């Protein structure tokens, strides 16, 4: 299995996938405006519409057990409190849909949305991503892998035909959208027609399901797999990689569009000034190579994800 941090791009696969991609049109909810064309919601022009909560609510994407990550993020949240002068509360979300709805309803202010749900959060919840994790040298990203277990009878991607394939959730890039586009473009395999899709809900559920032989195969983010192996949740010999994709951006961190500008700036400062060395955040995310937050531009960094959505015929319609 390729767990090293090299940025492998399978050129033949990328070319085949690119053949079906087309840039999607913007579909931002009418409640937001985007005058500067950066594809994210502009802050309100009128100060009376700015949000300045007494308590900031933070949520990390629900890829794994929320209880684990409440402890991982504790030191960062204390740093965020120092920078903003606000009390900060960790909100353990159970699904991407719940996380998006919480921000859309004004109950979530700062968050990390997973790769695939970023466009929906941007267009439907006013999420403005500005950072993601990267390695010490500035490289970033993860790959989608399709995995199986030894002795499953699945030796190649083509062998998935007629069997079950576990996805995570329909909003997930690596857990559903990218593998679906790839399987159709490169192998002519479509869910329901050529294999039975099942949804596990989260990447760790899919990985454990394959390791325990509950699922014959699954599409997952290899960054999650790397962290689970490092924590001895699963062993490397329990899984076999069938396919590794091009590199995608990781979780996007940001805030809701209508926070008071001074507060928004202090939140950004908290991310980029956080001292990683010796932190619980470093201890957890170094398992997949991350060592810092770097600035991002949603329009540029998430272009490949929006293209996958377009290939899937996806919509950012909020209704």
Protein backbone atom coordinates (compact mmCIF):
# COMPACT_ATOMS: atom_id res chain seq x y z
CA UNK A 1 0.00 0.00 0.00
CA UNK A 2 1.23 3.50 -0.78
CA UNK A 3 1.04 5.37 2.53
CA UNK A 4 4.04 7.64 1.89
CA UNK A 5 3.41 11.35 1.46
CA UNK A 6 4.51 11.40 -2.18
CA UNK A 7 2.10 13.13 -4.51
CA UNK A 8 1.33 10.29 -6.86
CA UNK A 9 -0.84 11.18 -9.81
CA UNK A 10 -1.97 8.28 -11.95
CA UNK A 11 -1.77 10.00 -15.32
CA UNK A 12 -3.87 7.56 -17.28
CA UNK A 13 -6.62 7.70 -14.70
CA UNK A 14 -6.48 11.45 -14.47
CA UNK A 15 -6.75 11.78 -18.24
CA UNK A 16 -9.76 9.49 -18.37
CA UNK A 17 -11.47 11.35 -15.56
CA UNK A 18 -10.67 14.73 -17.09
CA UNK A 19 -12.49 13.67 -20.24
CA UNK A 20 -15.82 13.76 -18.42
CA UNK A 21 -15.23 16.90 -16.37
CA UNK A 22 -16.77 20.31 -16.98
CA UNK A 23 -16.65 23.37 -14.74
CA UNK A 24 -19.96 23.81 -12.88
CA UNK A 25 -21.75 27.12 -12.79
CA UNK A 26 -22.04 28.99 -9.51
CA UNK A 27 -25.16 28.08 -7.58
CA UNK A 28 -24.91 30.29 -4.51
CA UNK A 29 -28.05 30.67 -2.42
CA UNK A 30 -29.84 34.00 -3.10
CA UNK A 31 -29.34 35.05 0.53
CA UNK A 32 -25.63 35.57 -0.25
CA UNK A 33 -23.78 37.86 -2.65
CA UNK A 34 -20.44 37.41 -4.40
CA UNK A 35 -19.54 40.80 -5.85
CA UNK A 36 -15.80 40.07 -5.97
CA UNK A 37 -16.20 36.81 -7.89
CA UNK A 38 -14.19 34.63 -5.50
CA UNK A 39 -17.10 32.12 -5.33
CA UNK A 40 -17.63 32.67 -1.58
CA UNK A 41 -20.21 34.86 0.15
CA UNK A 42 -19.26 38.48 0.77
CA UNK A 43 -19.58 39.83 4.34
CA UNK A 44 -22.66 42.02 4.90
CA UNK A 45 -22.14 45.66 3.96
CA UNK A 46 -24.31 46.88 6.84
CA UNK A 47 -22.82 46.56 10.34
CA UNK A 48 -26.23 45.73 11.80
CA UNK A 49 -26.06 42.41 9.94
CA UNK A 50 -22.71 41.39 11.45
CA UNK A 51 -22.67 38.48 13.89
CA UNK A 52 -20.70 38.88 17.13
CA UNK A 53 -21.60 35.89 19.37
CA UNK A 54 -20.57 35.64 23.00
CA UNK A 55 -19.61 32.00 22.44
CA UNK A 56 -17.95 30.75 19.27
CA UNK A 57 -19.03 27.28 18.17
CA UNK A 58 -16.41 25.16 16.39
CA UNK A 59 -17.00 21.87 14.59
CA UNK A 60 -14.58 19.47 12.93
CA UNK A 61 -15.74 17.41 9.98
CA UNK A 62 -17.37 14.13 11.13
CA UNK A 63 -14.94 11.73 9.49
CA UNK A 64 -14.12 9.85 12.68
CA UNK A 65 -15.23 9.50 16.32
CA UNK A 66 -16.06 13.06 17.51
CA UNK A 67 -15.01 12.20 21.07
CA UNK A 68 -11.45 11.55 19.89
CA UNK A 69 -11.23 14.90 18.16
CA UNK A 70 -12.70 16.96 21.00
CA UNK A 71 -9.46 16.20 22.88
CA UNK A 72 -7.28 16.68 19.79
CA UNK A 73 -8.68 20.17 19.17
CA UNK A 74 -8.76 21.31 22.82
CA UNK A 75 -5.39 23.11 22.73
CA UNK A 76 -6.24 24.87 19.50
CA UNK A 77 -9.59 26.02 20.87
CA UNK A 78 -7.87 27.51 23.92
CA UNK A 79 -5.57 29.37 21.53
CA UNK A 80 -8.64 30.55 19.61
CA UNK A 81 -10.14 31.84 22.86
CA UNK A 82 -6.97 33.82 23.59
CA UNK A 83 -6.93 35.37 20.13
CA UNK A 84 -10.62 36.27 19.99
CA UNK A 85 -11.44 36.98 23.63
CA UNK A 86 -14.43 34.68 23.22
CA UNK A 87 -15.37 31.43 24.88
CA UNK A 88 -15.17 28.61 22.33
CA UNK A 89 -17.23 25.43 22.38
CA UNK A 90 -16.53 22.22 20.45
CA UNK A 91 -19.63 20.93 18.64
CA UNK A 92 -19.41 17.16 17.90
CA UNK A 93 -21.33 16.83 14.63
CA UNK A 94 -22.47 13.41 13.47
CA UNK A 95 -23.00 14.10 9.78
CA UNK A 96 -22.03 16.50 7.01
CA UNK A 97 -25.67 17.49 6.56
CA UNK A 98 -26.01 18.41 10.25
CA UNK A 99 -22.83 20.48 10.10
CA UNK A 100 -23.98 22.42 7.03
CA UNK A 101 -27.43 23.00 8.48
CA UNK A 102 -25.95 24.25 11.77
CA UNK A 103 -23.91 26.90 9.97
CA UNK A 104 -26.79 27.86 7.68
CA UNK A 105 -28.98 28.35 10.76
CA UNK A 106 -26.38 30.52 12.51
CA UNK A 107 -25.52 27.93 15.19
CA UNK A 108 -21.99 27.19 13.92
CA UNK A 109 -19.36 29.89 13.43
CA UNK A 110 -15.97 28.24 12.76
CA UNK A 111 -15.52 24.85 11.16
CA UNK A 112 -13.54 22.35 9.19
CA UNK A 113 -15.66 20.94 6.37
CA UNK A 114 -14.44 17.89 4.54
CA UNK A 115 -13.27 18.14 0.94
CA UNK A 116 -16.49 17.07 -0.72
CA UNK A 117 -18.88 19.10 1.43
CA UNK A 118 -16.95 22.38 1.06
CA UNK A 119 -18.80 23.50 -2.11
CA UNK A 120 -22.19 22.78 -0.56
CA UNK A 121 -21.22 24.56 2.67
CA UNK A 122 -19.95 27.55 0.67
CA UNK A 123 -23.05 27.83 -1.48
CA UNK A 124 -25.74 26.91 1.04
CA UNK A 125 -24.35 27.93 4.43
CA UNK A 126 -22.19 30.97 3.72
CA UNK A 127 -19.02 29.12 4.66
CA UNK A 128 -15.81 30.97 3.76
CA UNK A 129 -12.79 28.61 3.82
CA UNK A 130 -9.39 30.25 4.29
CA UNK A 131 -7.03 27.52 5.53
CA UNK A 132 -6.12 23.88 5.33
CA UNK A 133 -3.47 21.67 6.86
CA UNK A 134 -0.21 21.01 5.05
CA UNK A 135 3.13 19.35 5.68
CA UNK A 136 6.15 21.31 6.90
CA UNK A 137 7.29 21.90 3.30
CA UNK A 138 3.88 23.26 2.29
CA UNK A 139 2.70 20.22 0.34
CA UNK A 140 -0.87 19.17 1.01
CA UNK A 141 -3.62 16.81 0.04
CA UNK A 142 -4.73 13.21 0.19
CA UNK A 143 -5.69 10.53 -2.26
CA UNK A 144 -8.85 8.52 -2.67
CA UNK A 145 -8.12 4.82 -2.39
CA UNK A 146 -10.28 1.81 -3.07
CA UNK A 147 -9.35 -0.87 -0.59
CA UNK A 148 -10.22 -4.49 0.05
CA UNK A 149 -8.96 -7.17 2.44
CA UNK A 150 -6.56 -10.07 1.71
CA UNK A 151 -8.41 -13.09 0.39
CA UNK A 152 -11.54 -11.15 -0.57
CA UNK A 153 -11.41 -12.48 -4.12
CA UNK A 154 -11.00 -8.91 -5.39
CA UNK A 155 -7.61 -8.53 -7.04
CA UNK A 156 -8.36 -5.61 -9.36
CA UNK A 157 -10.90 -2.80 -9.57
CA UNK A 158 -12.72 -4.75 -12.29
CA UNK A 159 -13.38 -7.53 -9.76
CA UNK A 160 -15.76 -5.22 -7.86
CA UNK A 161 -18.37 -5.94 -10.53
CA UNK A 162 -21.24 -7.92 -9.04
CA UNK A 163 -20.12 -7.24 -5.47
CA UNK A 164 -20.69 -4.61 -2.76
CA UNK A 165 -18.68 -1.39 -2.56
CA UNK A 166 -18.88 0.74 0.58
CA UNK A 167 -19.14 4.51 0.19
CA UNK A 168 -19.23 6.93 3.14
CA UNK A 169 -21.84 9.63 2.37
CA UNK A 170 -23.16 11.28 -0.80
CA UNK A 171 -21.48 14.60 0.13
CA UNK A 172 -18.02 13.03 0.46
CA UNK A 173 -15.46 13.62 -2.28
CA UNK A 174 -13.23 10.62 -1.66
CA UNK A 175 -15.96 8.54 -0.05
CA UNK A 176 -18.44 8.81 -2.93
CA UNK A 177 -18.18 11.44 -5.66
CA UNK A 178 -14.61 10.95 -6.91
CA UNK A 179 -14.72 7.13 -6.89
CA UNK A 180 -18.11 7.12 -8.61
CA UNK A 181 -16.80 9.38 -11.39
CA UNK A 182 -13.58 7.37 -11.69
CA UNK A 183 -15.28 3.97 -11.77
CA UNK A 184 -17.58 5.09 -14.57
CA UNK A 185 -14.94 6.94 -16.59
CA UNK A 186 -12.09 4.45 -16.30
CA UNK A 187 -13.77 1.09 -15.78
CA UNK A 188 -17.33 1.50 -17.04
CA UNK A 189 -18.69 0.50 -13.62
CA UNK A 190 -21.83 2.18 -12.29
CA UNK A 191 -23.54 1.82 -8.92
CA UNK A 192 -26.73 -0.26 -8.90
CA UNK A 193 -26.02 -1.43 -12.43
CA UNK A 194 -22.63 -3.10 -11.98
CA UNK A 195 -22.15 -3.27 -8.21
CA UNK A 196 -24.18 -2.79 -5.05
CA UNK A 197 -23.41 0.50 -3.25
CA UNK A 198 -23.72 0.64 0.53
CA UNK A 199 -23.18 3.70 2.72
CA UNK A 200 -21.23 3.38 5.98
CA UNK A 201 -21.66 7.02 7.10
CA UNK A 202 -17.98 7.74 7.82
CA UNK A 203 -14.51 6.87 6.55
CA UNK A 204 -13.55 5.04 9.73
CA UNK A 205 -16.69 2.88 9.45
CA UNK A 206 -15.73 1.92 5.89
CA UNK A 207 -12.12 1.18 6.83
CA UNK A 208 -13.03 -0.90 9.88
CA UNK A 209 -15.73 -2.61 7.82
CA UNK A 210 -13.16 -3.76 5.26
CA UNK A 211 -10.59 -4.73 7.93
CA UNK A 212 -13.25 -6.82 9.69
CA UNK A 213 -14.42 -8.29 6.35
CA UNK A 214 -17.89 -6.79 6.64
CA UNK A 215 -17.40 -4.97 3.33
CA UNK A 216 -15.53 -6.59 0.42
CA UNK A 217 -14.29 -3.18 -0.74
CA UNK A 218 -14.56 0.51 0.11
CA UNK A 219 -13.65 3.94 -1.23
CA UNK A 220 -11.86 6.01 1.41
CA UNK A 221 -9.53 8.95 2.06
CA UNK A 222 -6.06 7.55 2.65
CA UNK A 223 -5.24 10.32 5.15
CA UNK A 224 -7.90 8.85 7.46
CA UNK A 225 -6.50 5.36 6.91
CA UNK A 226 -2.99 6.56 7.76
CA UNK A 227 -4.15 8.04 11.07
CA UNK A 228 -6.12 4.91 11.98
CA UNK A 229 -3.10 2.71 11.29
CA UNK A 230 -0.90 5.02 13.38
CA UNK A 231 -3.37 4.68 16.29
CA UNK A 232 -3.46 0.87 15.87
CA UNK A 233 -7.18 0.94 15.12
CA UNK A 234 -6.43 -1.23 12.09
CA UNK A 235 -3.26 -3.00 10.98
CA UNK A 236 -1.63 -2.42 7.56
CA UNK A 237 -1.89 -6.11 6.68
CA UNK A 238 -5.68 -6.03 7.10
CA UNK A 239 -6.22 -3.95 3.98
CA UNK A 240 -5.03 -4.01 0.38
CA UNK A 241 -5.11 -1.01 -1.95
CA UNK A 242 -6.64 -1.52 -5.40
CA UNK A 243 -6.52 2.05 -6.68
CA UNK A 244 -4.99 5.40 -5.71
CA UNK A 245 -6.30 8.62 -7.24
CA UNK A 246 -4.83 11.99 -8.03
CA UNK A 247 -4.29 14.30 -5.04
CA UNK A 248 -7.20 16.31 -3.64
CA UNK A 249 -7.22 19.20 -1.13
CA UNK A 250 -7.88 18.22 2.47
CA UNK A 251 -10.43 19.56 4.97
CA UNK A 252 -11.07 23.28 4.46
CA UNK A 253 -11.15 25.44 7.60
CA UNK A 254 -13.06 28.68 7.70
CA UNK A 255 -15.88 30.72 9.16
CA UNK A 256 -19.41 31.84 8.49
CA UNK A 257 -19.56 34.83 6.15
CA UNK A 258 -21.35 37.32 8.43
CA UNK A 259 -19.08 37.43 11.47
CA UNK A 260 -17.99 40.89 12.59
CA UNK A 261 -14.89 41.71 10.45
CA UNK A 262 -12.59 42.23 13.44
CA UNK A 263 -13.67 38.90 14.88
CA UNK A 264 -13.19 37.18 11.53
CA UNK A 265 -9.64 38.52 11.30
CA UNK A 266 -8.79 37.36 14.83
CA UNK A 267 -10.06 33.87 13.98
CA UNK A 268 -7.83 33.75 10.89
CA UNK A 269 -4.90 34.93 12.99
CA UNK A 270 -5.55 32.11 15.47
CA UNK A 271 -5.17 29.50 12.74
CA UNK A 272 -1.96 30.90 11.29
CA UNK A 273 -0.33 31.68 14.64
CA UNK A 274 -1.14 28.38 16.34
CA UNK A 275 2.04 26.80 17.82
CA UNK A 276 1.96 23.24 16.48
CA UNK A 277 5.04 21.88 18.19
CA UNK A 278 4.14 19.62 21.11
CA UNK A 279 0.39 20.06 20.61
CA UNK A 280 -2.27 17.34 20.52
CA UNK A 281 -3.15 18.60 17.05
CA UNK A 282 0.40 17.91 15.86
CA UNK A 283 0.45 14.49 17.52
CA UNK A 284 -2.72 13.46 15.69
CA UNK A 285 -2.23 14.99 12.28
CA UNK A 286 1.46 14.26 11.88
CA UNK A 287 0.25 10.70 11.32
CA UNK A 288 -0.92 11.85 7.89
CA UNK A 289 1.91 14.34 7.40
CA UNK A 290 0.33 17.66 8.44
CA UNK A 291 2.34 20.16 10.45
CA UNK A 292 0.82 23.61 9.85
CA UNK A 293 -2.13 25.61 8.54
CA UNK A 294 -1.62 27.30 5.18
CA UNK A 295 -3.78 29.94 3.44
CA UNK A 296 -6.06 28.73 0.65
CA UNK A 297 -8.16 30.21 -2.10
CA UNK A 298 -11.43 28.31 -2.51
CA UNK A 299 -11.83 29.32 -6.15
CA UNK A 300 -8.45 27.82 -7.04
CA UNK A 301 -7.86 24.99 -4.57
CA UNK A 302 -11.35 23.50 -4.89
CA UNK A 303 -11.59 23.70 -8.70
CA UNK A 304 -10.86 19.96 -9.08
CA UNK A 305 -13.57 19.11 -6.54
CA UNK A 306 -16.15 21.25 -8.33
CA UNK A 307 -15.16 19.50 -11.56
CA UNK A 308 -15.81 16.09 -9.99
CA UNK A 309 -19.20 17.37 -8.84
CA UNK A 310 -19.94 18.47 -12.40
CA UNK A 311 -18.94 15.06 -13.74
CA UNK A 312 -21.34 13.49 -11.27
CA UNK A 313 -24.15 15.81 -12.38
CA UNK A 314 -24.21 17.21 -8.86
CA UNK A 315 -26.04 20.33 -7.77
CA UNK A 316 -25.46 22.88 -5.04
CA UNK A 317 -29.17 23.65 -4.89
CA UNK A 318 -29.96 24.40 -1.26
CA UNK A 319 -33.67 23.67 -1.45
